[in-house]
Amino acid sequence: MHAKDILIDGYGRIQEEVHAALDGLGPDELRHRPAPDANSIAWLAWHLTRVQDDHIADAFDLDQVWLSQGWEKRFGLDLPRHDTGYGHSPAKVAKVRVDSADLLTGYYDAVHEQTLGALRSLAAKDLERVVDERWDPPVTLGVRLVSVLSDDLQHIGQVAYLRGLLQSAAA
C-alpha cells in the first residue's frame, strides 16, 4: 500500500463520519450549543470542511471549493469570504446557521472530491515538498495532509458526541 492510498482511505473515513453524524438532524439540532461558549454541530461540520478546503487548495495550488463552486453564496453566512472559523468567538460561532444537514454534507462531499483528486495525483516524493515556511521546522505536504486529517477526525468526533448528548436528552 502506498502512502497516498492510506491518505485516501483516511479522508474517506472522514466523509463516512460526516454523513453518519449529520444524518437526519434538523435546524434546531444543528444550531444547538450545550453551553453559550460551546460550538454547535453546524459550526463544527462547517469549520472542519472549511479547513480541509482551505488547506488542500493551498497545498495543491487549487481554488477553494467554497468560492469556486458557489458554496459561500449557498450558505449565506455573515462572515468574511475566506473565513475558516479559526479563532471564532462565541458570537461568530452563532453566525454559522444552516437549515439543512444536506447543505453541510453537500459542501463536504464537494471538498472531498477535490481532495481525492489531489491525493490521487501524489507521488511519494511530493510528500516532502514544503508547503508552509512559517513554522520551524517548515511544514511538508505530508505533515499538512496528516494534520488536516487529524483535525477533521477530532471535529467530527465532537459532532458525534454532541449528537449523542442531544439524543440522550430527548430519550
Protein backbone atom coordinates (compact mmCIF):
# COMPACT_ATOMS: atom_id res chain seq x y z
CA MET A 1 0.00 0.00 0.00
CA HIS A 2 1.32 3.45 -0.90
CA ALA A 3 1.16 6.50 1.36
CA LYS A 4 -1.40 8.14 -0.93
CA ASP A 5 -3.66 5.09 -0.57
CA ILE A 6 -3.52 5.42 3.22
CA LEU A 7 -4.39 9.11 2.95
CA ILE A 8 -7.25 8.39 0.55
CA ASP A 9 -8.60 5.81 2.99
CA GLY A 10 -8.27 8.23 5.91
CA TYR A 11 -10.06 11.06 4.14
CA GLY A 12 -12.74 8.58 3.05
CA ARG A 13 -13.35 7.79 6.71
CA ILE A 14 -13.94 11.47 7.42
CA GLN A 15 -16.59 11.57 4.70
CA GLU A 16 -18.32 8.49 6.14
CA GLU A 17 -18.32 10.02 9.63
CA VAL A 18 -19.60 13.39 8.40
CA HIS A 19 -22.61 11.69 6.80
CA ALA A 20 -23.25 9.42 9.79
CA ALA A 21 -23.02 12.25 12.32
CA LEU A 22 -25.25 14.68 10.41
CA ASP A 23 -27.84 12.27 9.01
CA GLY A 24 -31.38 13.24 9.97
CA LEU A 25 -30.52 16.31 12.05
CA GLY A 26 -32.84 19.28 11.78
CA PRO A 27 -32.10 23.01 12.09
CA ASP A 28 -32.58 23.14 15.87
CA GLU A 29 -30.22 20.23 16.44
CA LEU A 30 -27.65 21.69 14.06
CA ARG A 31 -27.74 25.03 15.94
CA HIS A 32 -27.78 23.54 19.45
CA ARG A 33 -24.91 24.60 21.69
CA PRO A 34 -24.59 22.76 25.02
CA ALA A 35 -23.26 25.97 26.61
CA PRO A 36 -23.13 29.60 25.45
CA ASP A 37 -19.41 29.38 24.65
CA ALA A 38 -19.61 25.94 23.01
CA ASN A 39 -19.56 25.19 19.30
CA SER A 40 -22.66 23.95 17.52
CA ILE A 41 -22.86 20.87 15.34
CA ALA A 42 -23.31 23.11 12.28
CA TRP A 43 -20.26 25.19 13.15
CA LEU A 44 -18.08 22.13 13.76
CA ALA A 45 -19.08 20.49 10.47
CA TRP A 46 -18.70 23.76 8.54
CA HIS A 47 -15.33 24.50 10.16
CA LEU A 48 -13.80 21.08 9.52
CA THR A 49 -14.86 21.35 5.89
CA ARG A 50 -13.60 24.91 5.52
CA VAL A 51 -10.20 23.95 6.96
CA GLN A 52 -9.90 20.96 4.63
CA ASP A 53 -10.99 23.09 1.67
CA ASP A 54 -8.58 25.92 2.54
CA HIS A 55 -5.56 23.76 3.33
CA ILE A 56 -5.91 21.31 0.43
CA ALA A 57 -6.47 24.14 -2.05
CA ASP A 58 -3.42 25.99 -0.74
CA ALA A 59 -1.17 22.90 -0.68
CA PHE A 60 -2.08 21.87 -4.24
CA ASP A 61 -2.48 25.37 -5.73
CA LEU A 62 -6.21 24.88 -6.35
CA ASP A 63 -9.21 27.17 -5.97
CA GLN A 64 -11.21 26.70 -2.79
CA VAL A 65 -14.47 24.86 -3.48
CA TRP A 66 -16.14 27.34 -1.08
CA LEU A 67 -15.59 30.12 -3.62
CA SER A 68 -15.23 28.35 -6.98
CA GLN A 69 -18.40 26.26 -6.68
CA GLY A 70 -20.59 28.86 -5.02
CA TRP A 71 -20.86 27.33 -1.56
CA GLU A 72 -20.16 30.69 0.05
CA LYS A 73 -23.33 32.05 -1.56
CA ARG A 74 -25.39 28.94 -0.75
CA PHE A 75 -24.50 29.20 2.94
CA GLY A 76 -25.06 32.98 3.01
CA LEU A 77 -23.10 33.47 6.24
CA ASP A 78 -22.31 36.92 7.57
CA LEU A 79 -18.56 36.16 7.62
CA PRO A 80 -15.54 37.17 5.51
CA ARG A 81 -15.19 35.16 2.27
CA HIS A 82 -12.03 33.31 3.31
CA ASP A 83 -13.05 32.69 6.93
CA THR A 84 -12.45 29.11 8.09
CA GLY A 85 -13.66 29.53 11.65
CA TYR A 86 -10.20 29.53 13.20
CA GLY A 87 -10.31 31.54 16.43
CA HIS A 88 -14.02 32.25 16.25
CA SER A 89 -15.63 33.95 19.22
CA PRO A 90 -18.96 32.63 20.51
CA ALA A 91 -20.69 35.41 18.55
CA LYS A 92 -19.07 34.30 15.30
CA VAL A 93 -19.88 30.65 16.03
CA ALA A 94 -23.53 31.71 16.31
CA LYS A 95 -23.38 33.14 12.76
CA VAL A 96 -22.94 29.67 11.30
CA ARG A 97 -26.58 28.67 10.95
CA VAL A 98 -27.96 26.26 8.39
CA ASP A 99 -31.44 24.91 7.81
CA SER A 100 -30.37 21.54 6.49
CA ALA A 101 -27.68 18.95 7.15
CA ASP A 102 -27.74 18.38 3.39
CA LEU A 103 -26.05 21.75 2.88
CA LEU A 104 -23.20 20.69 5.17
CA THR A 105 -22.81 17.22 3.64
CA GLY A 106 -23.09 18.63 0.13
CA TYR A 107 -20.28 21.07 0.77
CA TYR A 108 -18.21 18.36 2.46
CA ASP A 109 -18.73 16.00 -0.49
CA ALA A 110 -17.58 18.67 -2.96
CA VAL A 111 -14.44 19.32 -0.90
CA HIS A 112 -13.88 15.59 -0.56
CA GLU A 113 -13.97 15.15 -4.34
CA GLN A 114 -11.36 17.86 -4.80
CA THR A 115 -9.27 16.32 -2.02
CA LEU A 116 -9.41 12.88 -3.64
CA GLY A 117 -8.36 14.32 -6.99
CA ALA A 118 -5.36 15.96 -5.36
CA LEU A 119 -4.42 12.84 -3.39
CA ARG A 120 -4.66 10.59 -6.45
CA SER A 121 -2.07 12.76 -8.19
CA LEU A 122 0.52 12.28 -5.43
CA ALA A 123 3.89 10.67 -5.87
CA ALA A 124 5.87 9.68 -2.78
CA LYS A 125 8.40 12.48 -3.33
CA ASP A 126 5.58 15.07 -3.29
CA LEU A 127 5.02 14.46 0.42
CA GLU A 128 8.43 16.03 1.16
CA ARG A 129 7.55 19.33 -0.56
CA VAL A 130 7.44 22.27 1.87
CA VAL A 131 4.02 23.92 1.83
CA ASP A 132 4.35 26.32 4.77
CA GLU A 133 7.58 28.01 5.81
CA ARG A 134 6.01 29.95 8.70
CA TRP A 135 6.76 27.09 11.09
CA ASP A 136 10.01 25.69 12.48
CA PRO A 137 10.55 23.18 11.06
CA PRO A 138 8.75 24.11 7.82
CA VAL A 139 5.61 22.08 7.14
CA THR A 140 5.78 19.47 4.38
CA LEU A 141 2.82 18.36 2.31
CA GLY A 142 2.81 15.01 4.11
CA VAL A 143 2.65 16.68 7.53
CA ARG A 144 -0.08 19.10 6.35
CA LEU A 145 -2.22 16.26 4.99
CA VAL A 146 -1.97 14.30 8.24
CA SER A 147 -2.64 17.46 10.26
CA VAL A 148 -5.88 18.17 8.35
CA LEU A 149 -6.90 14.52 8.63
CA SER A 150 -6.34 14.58 12.40
CA ASP A 151 -8.14 17.91 12.89
CA ASP A 152 -11.14 16.77 10.84
CA LEU A 153 -11.44 13.49 12.72
CA GLN A 154 -11.33 15.31 16.05
CA HIS A 155 -14.06 17.73 14.98
CA ILE A 156 -16.35 15.08 13.55
CA GLY A 157 -15.89 13.18 16.82
CA GLN A 158 -17.10 16.30 18.62
CA VAL A 159 -20.13 16.39 16.32
CA ALA A 160 -20.91 12.75 17.11
CA TYR A 161 -20.58 13.47 20.83
CA LEU A 162 -22.95 16.46 20.63
CA ARG A 163 -25.41 14.37 18.63
CA GLY A 164 -25.27 11.74 21.38
CA LEU A 165 -25.95 14.38 24.04
CA LEU A 166 -29.00 15.56 22.09
CA GLN A 167 -30.30 12.03 21.64
CA SER A 168 -29.80 11.26 25.34
CA ALA A 169 -31.65 14.41 26.37
CA ALA A 170 -34.53 13.55 24.02
CA ALA A 171 -34.87 9.98 25.33
